[in-house]
């Protein structure tokens, strides 16, 4: 895996990063999304950069937790369906 040196600008600061080549597009997309969210908060009247970044971090964690909860519900649904199928099919299979 090849590492690349890139520069990512977030909130008027440039951060040098080393990322794997496969991750470069994702890292750049994340930087772009952060910038867009910062702009939304600034447009909403939050002029302090640190406050805006805190709100972006808060939003990111809310999204992460919601995604994890959705994944857990989906996994439980799949497990329940497999269990139901097993109960239907098992008696029909001779041992």
PDB file of N, CA and C in Angstrom:
ATOM      1  N   UNK A   1       0.832  -1.181   0.000  1.00  0.00           N
ATOM      2  CA  UNK A   1       0.000   0.000   0.000  1.00  0.00           C
ATOM      3  C   UNK A   1       0.878   1.245   0.000  1.00  0.00           C
ATOM      4  N   UNK A   2       0.585   2.086  -0.933  1.00  0.00           N
ATOM      5  CA  UNK A   2       1.374   3.309  -1.091  1.00  0.00           C
ATOM      6  C   UNK A   2       0.762   4.436  -0.272  1.00  0.00           C
ATOM      7  N   UNK A   3       1.608   5.142   0.478  1.00  0.00           N
ATOM      8  CA  UNK A   3       1.148   6.306   1.226  1.00  0.00           C
ATOM      9  C   UNK A   3       1.415   7.566   0.422  1.00  0.00           C
ATOM     10  N   UNK A   4       0.467   8.486   0.516  1.00  0.00           N
ATOM     11  CA  UNK A   4       0.596   9.760  -0.170  1.00  0.00           C
ATOM     12  C   UNK A   4       0.645  10.876   0.859  1.00  0.00           C
ATOM     13  N   UNK A   5       1.379  11.917   0.543  1.00  0.00           N
ATOM     14  CA  UNK A   5       1.365  13.119   1.361  1.00  0.00           C
ATOM     15  C   UNK A   5       0.400  14.096   0.711  1.00  0.00           C
ATOM     16  N   UNK A   6      -0.616  14.484   1.475  1.00  0.00           N
ATOM     17  CA  UNK A   6      -1.578  15.436   0.948  1.00  0.00           C
ATOM     18  C   UNK A   6      -1.745  16.580   1.941  1.00  0.00           C
ATOM     19  N   UNK A   7      -2.346  17.647   1.472  1.00  0.00           N
ATOM     20  CA  UNK A   7      -2.674  18.778   2.333  1.00  0.00           C
ATOM     21  C   UNK A   7      -4.181  18.947   2.306  1.00  0.00           C
ATOM     22  N   UNK A   8      -4.741  19.084   3.484  1.00  0.00           N
ATOM     23  CA  UNK A   8      -6.177  19.220   3.608  1.00  0.00           C
ATOM     24  C   UNK A   8      -6.479  20.520   4.341  1.00  0.00           C
ATOM     25  N   UNK A   9      -7.302  21.360   3.720  1.00  0.00           N
ATOM     26  CA  UNK A   9      -7.642  22.637   4.324  1.00  0.00           C
ATOM     27  C   UNK A   9      -8.978  22.520   5.040  1.00  0.00           C
ATOM     28  N   UNK A  10      -8.942  22.807   6.334  1.00  0.00           N
ATOM     29  CA  UNK A  10     -10.146  22.793   7.160  1.00  0.00           C
ATOM     30  C   UNK A  10     -10.143  24.057   8.009  1.00  0.00           C
ATOM     31  N   UNK A  11     -11.206  24.820   7.912  1.00  0.00           N
ATOM     32  CA  UNK A  11     -11.382  26.027   8.732  1.00  0.00           C
ATOM     33  C   UNK A  11     -10.183  26.966   8.634  1.00  0.00           C
ATOM     34  N   UNK A  12      -9.811  27.275   7.420  1.00  0.00           N
ATOM     35  CA  UNK A  12      -8.728  28.229   7.163  1.00  0.00           C
ATOM     36  C   UNK A  12      -7.356  27.771   7.648  1.00  0.00           C
ATOM     37  N   UNK A  13      -7.221  26.496   7.913  1.00  0.00           N
ATOM     38  CA  UNK A  13      -5.912  25.933   8.268  1.00  0.00           C
ATOM     39  C   UNK A  13      -5.617  24.775   7.333  1.00  0.00           C
ATOM     40  N   UNK A  14      -4.353  24.616   7.026  1.00  0.00           N
ATOM     41  CA  UNK A  14      -3.933  23.525   6.157  1.00  0.00           C
ATOM     42  C   UNK A  14      -3.231  22.469   6.999  1.00  0.00           C
ATOM     43  N   UNK A  15      -3.676  21.238   6.829  1.00  0.00           N
ATOM     44  CA  UNK A  15      -3.127  20.115   7.586  1.00  0.00           C
ATOM     45  C   UNK A  15      -2.417  19.152   6.643  1.00  0.00           C
ATOM     46  N   UNK A  16      -1.125  18.911   6.889  1.00  0.00           N
ATOM     47  CA  UNK A  16      -0.428  17.898   6.095  1.00  0.00           C
ATOM     48  C   UNK A  16      -0.788  16.511   6.629  1.00  0.00           C
ATOM     49  N   UNK A  17      -1.161  15.629   5.730  1.00  0.00           N
ATOM     50  CA  UNK A  17      -1.558  14.277   6.120  1.00  0.00           C
ATOM     51  C   UNK A  17      -0.848  13.250   5.257  1.00  0.00           C
ATOM     52  N   UNK A  18      -0.644  12.090   5.827  1.00  0.00           N
ATOM     53  CA  UNK A  18      -0.159  10.945   5.066  1.00  0.00           C
ATOM     54  C   UNK A  18      -1.295   9.927   5.067  1.00  0.00           C
ATOM     55  N   UNK A  19      -1.749   9.585   3.875  1.00  0.00           N
ATOM     56  CA  UNK A  19      -2.867   8.655   3.738  1.00  0.00           C
ATOM     57  C   UNK A  19      -2.513   7.575   2.727  1.00  0.00           C
ATOM     58  N   UNK A  20      -3.141   6.432   2.885  1.00  0.00           N
ATOM     59  CA  UNK A  20      -2.966   5.369   1.895  1.00  0.00           C
ATOM     60  C   UNK A  20      -3.651   5.802   0.608  1.00  0.00           C
ATOM     61  N   UNK A  21      -3.086   5.415  -0.506  1.00  0.00           N
ATOM     62  CA  UNK A  21      -3.611   5.866  -1.797  1.00  0.00           C
ATOM     63  C   UNK A  21      -5.082   5.493  -1.982  1.00  0.00           C
ATOM     64  N   UNK A  22      -5.489   4.338  -1.430  1.00  0.00           N
ATOM     65  CA  UNK A  22      -6.883   3.909  -1.558  1.00  0.00           C
ATOM     66  C   UNK A  22      -7.824   4.810  -0.764  1.00  0.00           C
ATOM     67  N   UNK A  23      -7.313   5.513   0.230  1.00  0.00           N
ATOM     68  CA  UNK A  23      -8.132   6.346   1.105  1.00  0.00           C
ATOM     69  C   UNK A  23      -8.149   7.813   0.700  1.00  0.00           C
ATOM     70  N   UNK A  24      -7.335   8.185  -0.262  1.00  0.00           N
ATOM     71  CA  UNK A  24      -7.197   9.600  -0.598  1.00  0.00           C
ATOM     72  C   UNK A  24      -8.536  10.245  -0.961  1.00  0.00           C
ATOM     73  N   UNK A  25      -9.297   9.604  -1.819  1.00  0.00           N
ATOM     74  CA  UNK A  25     -10.564  10.193  -2.266  1.00  0.00           C
ATOM     75  C   UNK A  25     -11.522  10.378  -1.081  1.00  0.00           C
ATOM     76  N   UNK A  26     -11.558   9.415  -0.184  1.00  0.00           N
ATOM     77  CA  UNK A  26     -12.443   9.506   0.974  1.00  0.00           C
ATOM     78  C   UNK A  26     -11.999  10.646   1.891  1.00  0.00           C
ATOM     79  N   UNK A  27     -10.699  10.735   2.131  1.00  0.00           N
ATOM     80  CA  UNK A  27     -10.175  11.791   3.004  1.00  0.00           C
ATOM     81  C   UNK A  27     -10.488  13.160   2.417  1.00  0.00           C
ATOM     82  N   UNK A  28     -10.307  13.305   1.138  1.00  0.00           N
ATOM     83  CA  UNK A  28     -10.609  14.593   0.497  1.00  0.00           C
ATOM     84  C   UNK A  28     -12.109  14.901   0.544  1.00  0.00           C
ATOM     85  N   UNK A  29     -12.934  13.890   0.359  1.00  0.00           N
ATOM     86  CA  UNK A  29     -14.385  14.077   0.435  1.00  0.00           C
ATOM     87  C   UNK A  29     -14.801  14.494   1.850  1.00  0.00           C
ATOM     88  N   UNK A  30     -14.200  13.875   2.854  1.00  0.00           N
ATOM     89  CA  UNK A  30     -14.497  14.243   4.242  1.00  0.00           C
ATOM     90  C   UNK A  30     -14.108  15.694   4.494  1.00  0.00           C
ATOM     91  N   UNK A  31     -12.940  16.103   4.005  1.00  0.00           N
ATOM     92  CA  UNK A  31     -12.521  17.499   4.147  1.00  0.00           C
ATOM     93  C   UNK A  31     -13.521  18.449   3.512  1.00  0.00           C
ATOM     94  N   UNK A  32     -14.011  18.075   2.341  1.00  0.00           N
ATOM     95  CA  UNK A  32     -14.995  18.902   1.638  1.00  0.00           C
ATOM     96  C   UNK A  32     -16.299  18.988   2.437  1.00  0.00           C
ATOM     97  N   UNK A  33     -16.742  17.861   2.984  1.00  0.00           N
ATOM     98  CA  UNK A  33     -17.972  17.848   3.767  1.00  0.00           C
ATOM     99  C   UNK A  33     -17.844  18.691   5.034  1.00  0.00           C
ATOM    100  N   UNK A  34     -16.689  18.624   5.677  1.00  0.00           N
ATOM    101  CA  UNK A  34     -16.457  19.444   6.872  1.00  0.00           C
ATOM    102  C   UNK A  34     -16.544  20.919   6.509  1.00  0.00           C
ATOM    103  N   UNK A  35     -15.904  21.292   5.412  1.00  0.00           N
ATOM    104  CA  UNK A  35     -15.945  22.690   4.973  1.00  0.00           C
ATOM    105  C   UNK A  35     -17.382  23.135   4.701  1.00  0.00           C
ATOM    106  N   UNK A  36     -18.171  22.265   4.066  1.00  0.00           N
ATOM    107  CA  UNK A  36     -19.558  22.599   3.756  1.00  0.00           C
ATOM    108  C   UNK A  36     -20.378  22.766   5.033  1.00  0.00           C
ATOM    109  N   UNK A  37     -20.160  21.879   6.006  1.00  0.00           N
ATOM    110  CA  UNK A  37     -20.889  21.997   7.271  1.00  0.00           C
ATOM    111  C   UNK A  37     -20.473  23.259   8.027  1.00  0.00           C
ATOM    112  N   UNK A  38     -19.188  23.567   7.993  1.00  0.00           N
ATOM    113  CA  UNK A  38     -18.724  24.802   8.631  1.00  0.00           C
ATOM    114  C   UNK A  38     -19.413  26.013   8.020  1.00  0.00           C
ATOM    115  N   UNK A  39     -19.522  26.011   6.704  1.00  0.00           N
ATOM    116  CA  UNK A  39     -20.177  27.129   6.020  1.00  0.00           C
ATOM    117  C   UNK A  39     -21.632  27.231   6.445  1.00  0.00           C
ATOM    118  N   UNK A  40     -22.304  26.096   6.568  1.00  0.00           N
ATOM    119  CA  UNK A  40     -23.701  26.111   6.998  1.00  0.00           C
ATOM    120  C   UNK A  40     -23.839  26.728   8.392  1.00  0.00           C
ATOM    121  N   UNK A  41     -22.946  26.361   9.299  1.00  0.00           N
ATOM    122  CA  UNK A  41     -23.017  26.913  10.653  1.00  0.00           C
ATOM    123  C   UNK A  41     -22.663  28.397  10.665  1.00  0.00           C
ATOM    124  N   UNK A  42     -21.703  28.773   9.854  1.00  0.00           N
ATOM    125  CA  UNK A  42     -21.359  30.199   9.763  1.00  0.00           C
ATOM    126  C   UNK A  42     -22.525  30.990   9.184  1.00  0.00           C
ATOM    127  N   UNK A  43     -23.170  30.447   8.168  1.00  0.00           N
ATOM    128  CA  UNK A  43     -24.345  31.098   7.580  1.00  0.00           C
ATOM    129  C   UNK A  43     -25.493  31.187   8.586  1.00  0.00           C
ATOM    130  N   UNK A  44     -25.522  30.243   9.535  1.00  0.00           N
ATOM    131  CA  UNK A  44     -26.569  30.231  10.554  1.00  0.00           C
ATOM    132  C   UNK A  44     -26.244  31.163  11.719  1.00  0.00           C
ATOM    133  N   UNK A  45     -25.091  31.823  11.657  1.00  0.00           N
ATOM    134  CA  UNK A  45     -24.765  32.807  12.677  1.00  0.00           C
ATOM    135  C   UNK A  45     -23.697  32.410  13.672  1.00  0.00           C
ATOM    136  N   UNK A  46     -23.118  31.232  13.519  1.00  0.00           N
ATOM    137  CA  UNK A  46     -22.026  30.824  14.411  1.00  0.00           C
ATOM    138  C   UNK A  46     -20.729  31.282  13.774  1.00  0.00           C
ATOM    139  N   UNK A  47     -20.193  32.397  14.275  1.00  0.00           N
ATOM    140  CA  UNK A  47     -19.012  32.980  13.641  1.00  0.00           C
ATOM    141  C   UNK A  47     -17.703  32.442  14.223  1.00  0.00           C
ATOM    142  N   UNK A  48     -17.745  31.931  15.443  1.00  0.00           N
ATOM    143  CA  UNK A  48     -16.529  31.413  16.066  1.00  0.00           C
ATOM    144  C   UNK A  48     -16.185  30.055  15.453  1.00  0.00           C
ATOM    145  N   UNK A  49     -14.979  29.950  14.933  1.00  0.00           N
ATOM    146  CA  UNK A  49     -14.554  28.715  14.250  1.00  0.00           C
ATOM    147  C   UNK A  49     -14.584  27.517  15.178  1.00  0.00           C
ATOM    148  N   UNK A  50     -14.121  27.698  16.404  1.00  0.00           N
ATOM    149  CA  UNK A  50     -14.090  26.575  17.348  1.00  0.00           C
ATOM    150  C   UNK A  50     -15.514  26.089  17.661  1.00  0.00           C
ATOM    151  N   UNK A  51     -16.444  27.021  17.830  1.00  0.00           N
ATOM    152  CA  UNK A  51     -17.828  26.632  18.077  1.00  0.00           C
ATOM    153  C   UNK A  51     -18.404  25.888  16.871  1.00  0.00           C
ATOM    154  N   UNK A  52     -18.122  26.382  15.682  1.00  0.00           N
ATOM    155  CA  UNK A  52     -18.624  25.730  14.469  1.00  0.00           C
ATOM    156  C   UNK A  52     -18.032  24.332  14.318  1.00  0.00           C
ATOM    157  N   UNK A  53     -16.738  24.188  14.587  1.00  0.00           N
ATOM    158  CA  UNK A  53     -16.108  22.864  14.515  1.00  0.00           C
ATOM    159  C   UNK A  53     -16.688  21.918  15.558  1.00  0.00           C
ATOM    160  N   UNK A  54     -16.986  22.449  16.744  1.00  0.00           N
ATOM    161  CA  UNK A  54     -17.599  21.617  17.780  1.00  0.00           C
ATOM    162  C   UNK A  54     -18.961  21.106  17.315  1.00  0.00           C
ATOM    163  N   UNK A  55     -19.733  21.960  16.654  1.00  0.00           N
ATOM    164  CA  UNK A  55     -21.033  21.546  16.150  1.00  0.00           C
ATOM    165  C   UNK A  55     -20.897  20.512  15.032  1.00  0.00           C
ATOM    166  N   UNK A  56     -19.893  20.672  14.183  1.00  0.00           N
ATOM    167  CA  UNK A  56     -19.637  19.688  13.125  1.00  0.00           C
ATOM    168  C   UNK A  56     -19.287  18.333  13.758  1.00  0.00           C
ATOM    169  N   UNK A  57     -18.436  18.348  14.787  1.00  0.00           N
ATOM    170  CA  UNK A  57     -18.069  17.108  15.473  1.00  0.00           C
ATOM    171  C   UNK A  57     -19.296  16.467  16.113  1.00  0.00           C
ATOM    172  N   UNK A  58     -20.124  17.284  16.715  1.00  0.00           N
ATOM    173  CA  UNK A  58     -21.359  16.800  17.339  1.00  0.00           C
ATOM    174  C   UNK A  58     -22.256  16.128  16.293  1.00  0.00           C
ATOM    175  N   UNK A  59     -22.441  16.799  15.162  1.00  0.00           N
ATOM    176  CA  UNK A  59     -23.257  16.239  14.088  1.00  0.00           C
ATOM    177  C   UNK A  59     -22.694  14.915  13.577  1.00  0.00           C
ATOM    178  N   UNK A  60     -21.376  14.846  13.454  1.00  0.00           N
ATOM    179  CA  UNK A  60     -20.734  13.625  12.959  1.00  0.00           C
ATOM    180  C   UNK A  60     -20.994  12.453  13.906  1.00  0.00           C
ATOM    181  N   UNK A  61     -20.896  12.707  15.209  1.00  0.00           N
ATOM    182  CA  UNK A  61     -21.122  11.621  16.164  1.00  0.00           C
ATOM    183  C   UNK A  61     -22.582  11.205  16.211  1.00  0.00           C
ATOM    184  N   UNK A  62     -23.488  12.149  16.061  1.00  0.00           N
ATOM    185  CA  UNK A  62     -24.906  11.788  15.995  1.00  0.00           C
ATOM    186  C   UNK A  62     -25.145  10.879  14.797  1.00  0.00           C
ATOM    187  N   UNK A  63     -24.594  11.244  13.652  1.00  0.00           N
ATOM    188  CA  UNK A  63     -24.749  10.436  12.442  1.00  0.00           C
ATOM    189  C   UNK A  63     -24.137   9.056  12.632  1.00  0.00           C
ATOM    190  N   UNK A  64     -22.974   8.992  13.263  1.00  0.00           N
ATOM    191  CA  UNK A  64     -22.299   7.716  13.508  1.00  0.00           C
ATOM    192  C   UNK A  64     -23.140   6.824  14.407  1.00  0.00           C
ATOM    193  N   UNK A  65     -23.649   7.378  15.501  1.00  0.00           N
ATOM    194  CA  UNK A  65     -24.437   6.582  16.439  1.00  0.00           C
ATOM    195  C   UNK A  65     -25.735   6.117  15.794  1.00  0.00           C
ATOM    196  N   UNK A  66     -26.390   6.989  15.049  1.00  0.00           N
ATOM    197  CA  UNK A  66     -27.616   6.578  14.345  1.00  0.00           C
ATOM    198  C   UNK A  66     -27.330   5.446  13.373  1.00  0.00           C
ATOM    199  N   UNK A  67     -26.221   5.535  12.655  1.00  0.00           N
ATOM    200  CA  UNK A  67     -25.843   4.480  11.717  1.00  0.00           C
ATOM    201  C   UNK A  67     -25.576   3.165  12.418  1.00  0.00           C
ATOM    202  N   UNK A  68     -24.896   3.236  13.562  1.00  0.00           N
ATOM    203  CA  UNK A  68     -24.613   2.021  14.335  1.00  0.00           C
ATOM    204  C   UNK A  68     -25.905   1.393  14.844  1.00  0.00           C
ATOM    205  N   UNK A  69     -26.820   2.227  15.325  1.00  0.00           N
ATOM    206  CA  UNK A  69     -28.103   1.702  15.808  1.00  0.00           C
ATOM    207  C   UNK A  69     -28.905   1.074  14.673  1.00  0.00           C
ATOM    208  N   UNK A  70     -28.887   1.703  13.511  1.00  0.00           N
ATOM    209  CA  UNK A  70     -29.592   1.155  12.350  1.00  0.00           C
ATOM    210  C   UNK A  70     -28.982  -0.185  11.952  1.00  0.00           C
ATOM    211  N   UNK A  71     -27.660  -0.266  11.977  1.00  0.00           N
ATOM    212  CA  UNK A  71     -26.965  -1.507  11.631  1.00  0.00           C
ATOM    213  C   UNK A  71     -27.315  -2.612  12.629  1.00  0.00           C
ATOM    214  N   UNK A  72     -27.373  -2.275  13.914  1.00  0.00           N
ATOM    215  CA  UNK A  72     -27.743  -3.272  14.927  1.00  0.00           C
ATOM    216  C   UNK A  72     -29.157  -3.790  14.698  1.00  0.00           C
ATOM    217  N   UNK A  73     -30.083  -2.885  14.386  1.00  0.00           N
ATOM    218  CA  UNK A  73     -31.465  -3.313  14.110  1.00  0.00           C
ATOM    219  C   UNK A  73     -31.519  -4.211  12.876  1.00  0.00           C
ATOM    220  N   UNK A  74     -30.761  -3.852  11.844  1.00  0.00           N
ATOM    221  CA  UNK A  74     -30.720  -4.652  10.629  1.00  0.00           C
ATOM    222  C   UNK A  74     -30.126  -6.033  10.898  1.00  0.00           C
ATOM    223  N   UNK A  75     -29.041  -6.078  11.664  1.00  0.00           N
ATOM    224  CA  UNK A  75     -28.428  -7.364  11.998  1.00  0.00           C
ATOM    225  C   UNK A  75     -29.395  -8.239  12.789  1.00  0.00           C
ATOM    226  N   UNK A  76     -30.122  -7.639  13.720  1.00  0.00           N
ATOM    227  CA  UNK A  76     -31.085  -8.401  14.514  1.00  0.00           C
ATOM    228  C   UNK A  76     -32.204  -8.927  13.625  1.00  0.00           C
ATOM    229  N   UNK A  77     -32.659  -8.106  12.684  1.00  0.00           N
ATOM    230  CA  UNK A  77     -33.704  -8.543  11.759  1.00  0.00           C
ATOM    231  C   UNK A  77     -33.227  -9.723  10.924  1.00  0.00           C
ATOM    232  N   UNK A  78     -32.019  -9.638  10.411  1.00  0.00           N
ATOM    233  CA  UNK A  78     -31.454 -10.733   9.607  1.00  0.00           C
ATOM    234  C   UNK A  78     -31.320 -11.989  10.464  1.00  0.00           C
ATOM    235  N   UNK A  79     -30.812 -11.842  11.685  1.00  0.00           N
ATOM    236  CA  UNK A  79     -30.677 -12.995  12.579  1.00  0.00           C
ATOM    237  C   UNK A  79     -32.038 -13.634  12.846  1.00  0.00           C
ATOM    238  N   UNK A  80     -33.056 -12.803  13.115  1.00  0.00           N
ATOM    239  CA  UNK A  80     -34.405 -13.332  13.374  1.00  0.00           C
ATOM    240  C   UNK A  80     -34.943 -14.080  12.166  1.00  0.00           C
ATOM    241  N   UNK A  81     -34.737 -13.538  10.964  1.00  0.00           N
ATOM    242  CA  UNK A  81     -35.227 -14.190   9.743  1.00  0.00           C
ATOM    243  C   UNK A  81     -34.514 -15.519   9.517  1.00  0.00           C
ATOM    244  N   UNK A  82     -33.219 -15.546   9.760  1.00  0.00           N
ATOM    245  CA  UNK A  82     -32.463 -16.800   9.600  1.00  0.00           C
ATOM    246  C   UNK A  82     -32.947 -17.834  10.602  1.00  0.00           C
ATOM    247  N   UNK A  83     -33.213 -17.413  11.817  1.00  0.00           N
ATOM    248  CA  UNK A  83     -33.724 -18.324  12.835  1.00  0.00           C
ATOM    249  C   UNK A  83     -35.076 -18.893  12.421  1.00  0.00           C
ATOM    250  N   UNK A  84     -35.945 -18.030  11.899  1.00  0.00           N
ATOM    251  CA  UNK A  84     -37.251 -18.493  11.426  1.00  0.00           C
ATOM    252  C   UNK A  84     -37.103 -19.499  10.289  1.00  0.00           C
ATOM    253  N   UNK A  85     -36.218 -19.195   9.337  1.00  0.00           N
ATOM    254  CA  UNK A  85     -35.980 -20.121   8.222  1.00  0.00           C
ATOM    255  C   UNK A  85     -35.432 -21.450   8.730  1.00  0.00           C
ATOM    256  N   UNK A  86     -34.534 -21.399   9.678  1.00  0.00           N
ATOM    257  CA  UNK A  86     -33.953 -22.619  10.240  1.00  0.00           C
ATOM    258  C   UNK A  86     -35.034 -23.469  10.899  1.00  0.00           C
ATOM    259  N   UNK A  87     -35.965 -22.836  11.596  1.00  0.00           N
ATOM    260  CA  UNK A  87     -37.047 -23.574  12.260  1.00  0.00           C
ATOM    261  C   UNK A  87     -37.977 -24.232  11.245  1.00  0.00           C
ATOM    262  N   UNK A  88     -38.142 -23.600  10.085  1.00  0.00           N
ATOM    263  CA  UNK A  88     -39.011 -24.169   9.049  1.00  0.00           C
ATOM    264  C   UNK A  88     -38.290 -25.289   8.297  1.00  0.00           C
ATOM    265  N   UNK A  89     -37.029 -25.088   7.990  1.00  0.00           N
ATOM    266  CA  UNK A  89     -36.291 -26.021   7.143  1.00  0.00           C
ATOM    267  C   UNK A  89     -35.751 -27.213   7.923  1.00  0.00           C
ATOM    268  N   UNK A  90     -35.306 -27.014   9.128  1.00  0.00           N
ATOM    269  CA  UNK A  90     -34.676 -28.104   9.895  1.00  0.00           C
ATOM    270  C   UNK A  90     -35.530 -29.361  10.016  1.00  0.00           C
ATOM    271  N   UNK A  91     -36.812 -29.243  10.329  1.00  0.00           N
ATOM    272  CA  UNK A  91     -37.599 -30.476  10.423  1.00  0.00           C
ATOM    273  C   UNK A  91     -37.715 -31.231   9.088  1.00  0.00           C
ATOM    274  N   UNK A  92     -37.550 -30.551   7.999  1.00  0.00           N
ATOM    275  CA  UNK A  92     -37.699 -31.192   6.685  1.00  0.00           C
ATOM    276  C   UNK A  92     -36.411 -31.879   6.228  1.00  0.00           C
ATOM    277  N   UNK A  93     -35.317 -31.616   6.899  1.00  0.00           N
ATOM    278  CA  UNK A  93     -34.030 -32.208   6.497  1.00  0.00           C
ATOM    279  C   UNK A  93     -33.786 -33.466   7.328  1.00  0.00           C
ATOM    280  N   UNK A  94     -33.663 -34.624   6.638  1.00  0.00           N
ATOM    281  CA  UNK A  94     -33.376 -35.857   7.386  1.00  0.00           C
ATOM    282  C   UNK A  94     -31.944 -35.857   7.903  1.00  0.00           C
ATOM    283  N   UNK A  95     -31.795 -36.332   9.106  1.00  0.00           N
ATOM    284  CA  UNK A  95     -30.460 -36.407   9.710  1.00  0.00           C
ATOM    285  C   UNK A  95     -29.810 -37.686   9.401  1.00  0.00           C
TER     286      UNK A  95
END
